[in-house]
Amino acid sequence: MAVDPADAAAPEQPQPTYEQARDELVAIVGRLEAGGTTLEESLALWQRGEDLAALCERYLDQARVRLDAAATQETPSS
């Protein structure tokens, strides 16, 4: 299996926190709404935004699971 040299050379970036991902997503939406970017830049921004939105959704899903678990533990059984 061939490895793309661009992928091999790209260092692994740490995953942003929920707040960092949300703030970057807001900035991307603002740039896209403002216009003035090339098609390629717009597509790259759109893809980054999609990735960030998915990451935020995972954070929120994990938070829901933790809240549900905490609520279940706090509910006294009869």
N, C-alpha and C. Protein backbone atom coordinates (compact mmCIF):
# COMPACT_ATOMS: atom_id res chain seq x y z
N MET A 1 0.84 -1.18 0.00
CA MET A 1 0.00 0.00 0.00
C MET A 1 0.89 1.24 0.00
N ALA A 2 0.66 2.15 -0.92
CA ALA A 2 1.46 3.36 -1.04
C ALA A 2 0.98 4.40 -0.03
N VAL A 3 1.93 5.14 0.52
CA VAL A 3 1.62 6.19 1.48
C VAL A 3 1.85 7.52 0.80
N ASP A 4 0.88 8.40 0.91
CA ASP A 4 1.01 9.73 0.35
C ASP A 4 2.05 10.50 1.17
N PRO A 5 3.12 10.99 0.54
CA PRO A 5 4.15 11.71 1.29
C PRO A 5 3.61 12.92 2.05
N ALA A 6 2.59 13.55 1.51
CA ALA A 6 2.01 14.70 2.21
C ALA A 6 1.38 14.27 3.52
N ASP A 7 0.76 13.08 3.53
CA ASP A 7 0.17 12.58 4.77
C ASP A 7 1.25 12.16 5.76
N ALA A 8 2.30 11.54 5.27
CA ALA A 8 3.36 11.06 6.14
C ALA A 8 4.11 12.22 6.78
N ALA A 9 4.24 13.34 6.07
CA ALA A 9 5.00 14.47 6.58
C ALA A 9 4.19 15.34 7.53
N ALA A 10 2.87 15.22 7.49
CA ALA A 10 2.03 16.07 8.32
C ALA A 10 2.06 15.59 9.77
N PRO A 11 2.54 16.44 10.68
CA PRO A 11 2.56 16.03 12.09
C PRO A 11 1.14 15.96 12.65
N GLU A 12 0.95 15.07 13.58
CA GLU A 12 -0.36 14.91 14.23
C GLU A 12 -0.61 16.13 15.11
N GLN A 13 -1.72 16.84 14.85
CA GLN A 13 -2.06 18.00 15.65
C GLN A 13 -2.94 17.57 16.81
N PRO A 14 -2.72 18.18 17.98
CA PRO A 14 -3.60 17.84 19.10
C PRO A 14 -5.03 18.27 18.80
N GLN A 15 -5.96 17.49 19.30
CA GLN A 15 -7.37 17.79 19.08
C GLN A 15 -7.76 19.02 19.89
N PRO A 16 -8.46 19.97 19.26
CA PRO A 16 -8.87 21.16 20.01
C PRO A 16 -9.94 20.81 21.05
N THR A 17 -10.04 21.63 22.07
CA THR A 17 -11.11 21.48 23.04
C THR A 17 -12.42 21.83 22.36
N TYR A 18 -13.53 21.57 23.03
CA TYR A 18 -14.83 21.94 22.49
C TYR A 18 -14.88 23.44 22.21
N GLU A 19 -14.43 24.22 23.18
CA GLU A 19 -14.50 25.67 23.04
C GLU A 19 -13.64 26.17 21.89
N GLN A 20 -12.44 25.60 21.75
CA GLN A 20 -11.56 26.00 20.65
C GLN A 20 -12.19 25.63 19.30
N ALA A 21 -12.75 24.43 19.21
CA ALA A 21 -13.37 23.97 17.97
C ALA A 21 -14.57 24.86 17.63
N ARG A 22 -15.39 25.18 18.62
CA ARG A 22 -16.56 26.03 18.41
C ARG A 22 -16.15 27.42 17.94
N ASP A 23 -15.13 27.99 18.59
CA ASP A 23 -14.68 29.33 18.21
C ASP A 23 -14.10 29.35 16.80
N GLU A 24 -13.33 28.32 16.44
CA GLU A 24 -12.79 28.25 15.09
C GLU A 24 -13.91 28.08 14.07
N LEU A 25 -14.91 27.28 14.41
CA LEU A 25 -16.05 27.08 13.52
C LEU A 25 -16.79 28.40 13.30
N VAL A 26 -16.99 29.17 14.34
CA VAL A 26 -17.65 30.48 14.22
C VAL A 26 -16.84 31.39 13.30
N ALA A 27 -15.51 31.38 13.45
CA ALA A 27 -14.65 32.21 12.61
C ALA A 27 -14.72 31.77 11.15
N ILE A 28 -14.77 30.48 10.92
CA ILE A 28 -14.87 29.96 9.55
C ILE A 28 -16.19 30.38 8.91
N VAL A 29 -17.27 30.26 9.65
CA VAL A 29 -18.58 30.68 9.13
C VAL A 29 -18.54 32.16 8.76
N GLY A 30 -17.93 32.96 9.61
CA GLY A 30 -17.81 34.39 9.32
C GLY A 30 -17.03 34.66 8.05
N ARG A 31 -15.93 33.94 7.86
CA ARG A 31 -15.13 34.11 6.64
C ARG A 31 -15.91 33.69 5.41
N LEU A 32 -16.63 32.58 5.51
CA LEU A 32 -17.40 32.11 4.35
C LEU A 32 -18.53 33.08 4.03
N GLU A 33 -19.18 33.60 5.06
CA GLU A 33 -20.27 34.55 4.83
C GLU A 33 -19.76 35.87 4.26
N ALA A 34 -18.56 36.27 4.64
CA ALA A 34 -18.00 37.53 4.16
C ALA A 34 -17.60 37.46 2.70
N GLY A 35 -17.31 36.25 2.23
CA GLY A 35 -16.89 36.10 0.84
C GLY A 35 -15.45 36.54 0.65
N GLY A 36 -15.07 36.69 -0.61
CA GLY A 36 -13.72 37.16 -0.90
C GLY A 36 -12.67 36.07 -0.92
N THR A 37 -13.08 34.82 -0.76
CA THR A 37 -12.11 33.73 -0.84
C THR A 37 -12.26 33.02 -2.18
N THR A 38 -11.19 32.38 -2.59
CA THR A 38 -11.25 31.62 -3.84
C THR A 38 -12.09 30.38 -3.62
N LEU A 39 -12.43 29.73 -4.71
CA LEU A 39 -13.20 28.50 -4.61
C LEU A 39 -12.45 27.46 -3.79
N GLU A 40 -11.16 27.31 -4.06
CA GLU A 40 -10.36 26.32 -3.32
C GLU A 40 -10.30 26.66 -1.83
N GLU A 41 -10.11 27.93 -1.50
CA GLU A 41 -10.09 28.34 -0.09
C GLU A 41 -11.45 28.08 0.56
N SER A 42 -12.51 28.41 -0.16
CA SER A 42 -13.85 28.18 0.37
C SER A 42 -14.11 26.71 0.63
N LEU A 43 -13.69 25.86 -0.30
CA LEU A 43 -13.88 24.42 -0.12
C LEU A 43 -13.07 23.91 1.08
N ALA A 44 -11.85 24.39 1.22
CA ALA A 44 -11.01 23.98 2.36
C ALA A 44 -11.63 24.45 3.67
N LEU A 45 -12.13 25.69 3.69
CA LEU A 45 -12.79 26.20 4.89
C LEU A 45 -14.04 25.39 5.20
N TRP A 46 -14.81 25.10 4.17
CA TRP A 46 -16.04 24.32 4.36
C TRP A 46 -15.71 22.95 4.97
N GLN A 47 -14.69 22.28 4.42
CA GLN A 47 -14.32 20.96 4.93
C GLN A 47 -13.84 21.04 6.38
N ARG A 48 -13.03 22.06 6.69
CA ARG A 48 -12.57 22.24 8.06
C ARG A 48 -13.77 22.49 8.98
N GLY A 49 -14.72 23.28 8.50
CA GLY A 49 -15.92 23.54 9.28
C GLY A 49 -16.72 22.27 9.53
N GLU A 50 -16.85 21.43 8.51
CA GLU A 50 -17.55 20.16 8.68
C GLU A 50 -16.85 19.29 9.72
N ASP A 51 -15.52 19.24 9.65
CA ASP A 51 -14.75 18.45 10.62
C ASP A 51 -14.93 18.99 12.04
N LEU A 52 -14.90 20.31 12.18
CA LEU A 52 -15.07 20.92 13.50
C LEU A 52 -16.49 20.70 14.03
N ALA A 53 -17.48 20.80 13.15
CA ALA A 53 -18.86 20.57 13.57
C ALA A 53 -19.03 19.13 14.07
N ALA A 54 -18.42 18.18 13.37
CA ALA A 54 -18.50 16.78 13.79
C ALA A 54 -17.80 16.58 15.13
N LEU A 55 -16.67 17.25 15.32
CA LEU A 55 -15.95 17.15 16.58
C LEU A 55 -16.79 17.73 17.72
N CYS A 56 -17.40 18.88 17.50
CA CYS A 56 -18.27 19.48 18.52
C CYS A 56 -19.43 18.55 18.84
N GLU A 57 -20.01 17.94 17.83
CA GLU A 57 -21.11 16.99 18.05
C GLU A 57 -20.65 15.82 18.92
N ARG A 58 -19.44 15.31 18.67
CA ARG A 58 -18.92 14.20 19.50
C ARG A 58 -18.74 14.65 20.96
N TYR A 59 -18.20 15.86 21.14
CA TYR A 59 -18.06 16.39 22.50
C TYR A 59 -19.42 16.48 23.19
N LEU A 60 -20.42 16.98 22.48
CA LEU A 60 -21.75 17.12 23.07
C LEU A 60 -22.39 15.76 23.36
N ASP A 61 -22.18 14.80 22.47
CA ASP A 61 -22.69 13.45 22.71
C ASP A 61 -22.05 12.84 23.96
N GLN A 62 -20.74 13.03 24.10
CA GLN A 62 -20.04 12.51 25.29
C GLN A 62 -20.55 13.19 26.56
N ALA A 63 -20.81 14.48 26.48
CA ALA A 63 -21.33 15.21 27.64
C ALA A 63 -22.71 14.68 28.01
N ARG A 64 -23.55 14.39 26.98
CA ARG A 64 -24.89 13.84 27.25
C ARG A 64 -24.79 12.50 27.97
N VAL A 65 -23.87 11.66 27.52
CA VAL A 65 -23.69 10.35 28.14
C VAL A 65 -23.28 10.52 29.60
N ARG A 66 -22.35 11.44 29.85
CA ARG A 66 -21.90 11.67 31.23
C ARG A 66 -23.04 12.21 32.10
N LEU A 67 -23.83 13.13 31.54
CA LEU A 67 -24.96 13.68 32.31
C LEU A 67 -26.01 12.61 32.59
N ASP A 68 -26.30 11.77 31.60
CA ASP A 68 -27.25 10.69 31.80
C ASP A 68 -26.77 9.72 32.86
N ALA A 69 -25.47 9.41 32.84
CA ALA A 69 -24.90 8.50 33.83
C ALA A 69 -24.98 9.12 35.23
N ALA A 70 -24.69 10.40 35.33
CA ALA A 70 -24.75 11.07 36.63
C ALA A 70 -26.19 11.13 37.14
N ALA A 71 -27.14 11.39 36.24
CA ALA A 71 -28.54 11.45 36.64
C ALA A 71 -29.03 10.09 37.10
N THR A 72 -28.58 9.05 36.45
CA THR A 72 -28.98 7.69 36.81
C THR A 72 -28.42 7.32 38.19
N GLN A 73 -27.21 7.74 38.47
CA GLN A 73 -26.59 7.44 39.77
C GLN A 73 -27.25 8.20 40.90
N GLU A 74 -27.76 9.39 40.62
CA GLU A 74 -28.37 10.24 41.65
C GLU A 74 -29.80 9.84 41.95
N THR A 75 -30.45 9.13 41.04
CA THR A 75 -31.83 8.74 41.22
C THR A 75 -31.88 7.55 42.18
N PRO A 76 -32.54 7.71 43.36
CA PRO A 76 -32.63 6.59 44.29
C PRO A 76 -33.56 5.51 43.74
N SER A 77 -33.15 4.28 43.92
CA SER A 77 -34.00 3.18 43.46
C SER A 77 -34.98 2.80 44.55
N SER A 78 -36.18 2.42 44.16
CA SER A 78 -37.23 2.10 45.12
C SER A 78 -37.22 0.67 45.51
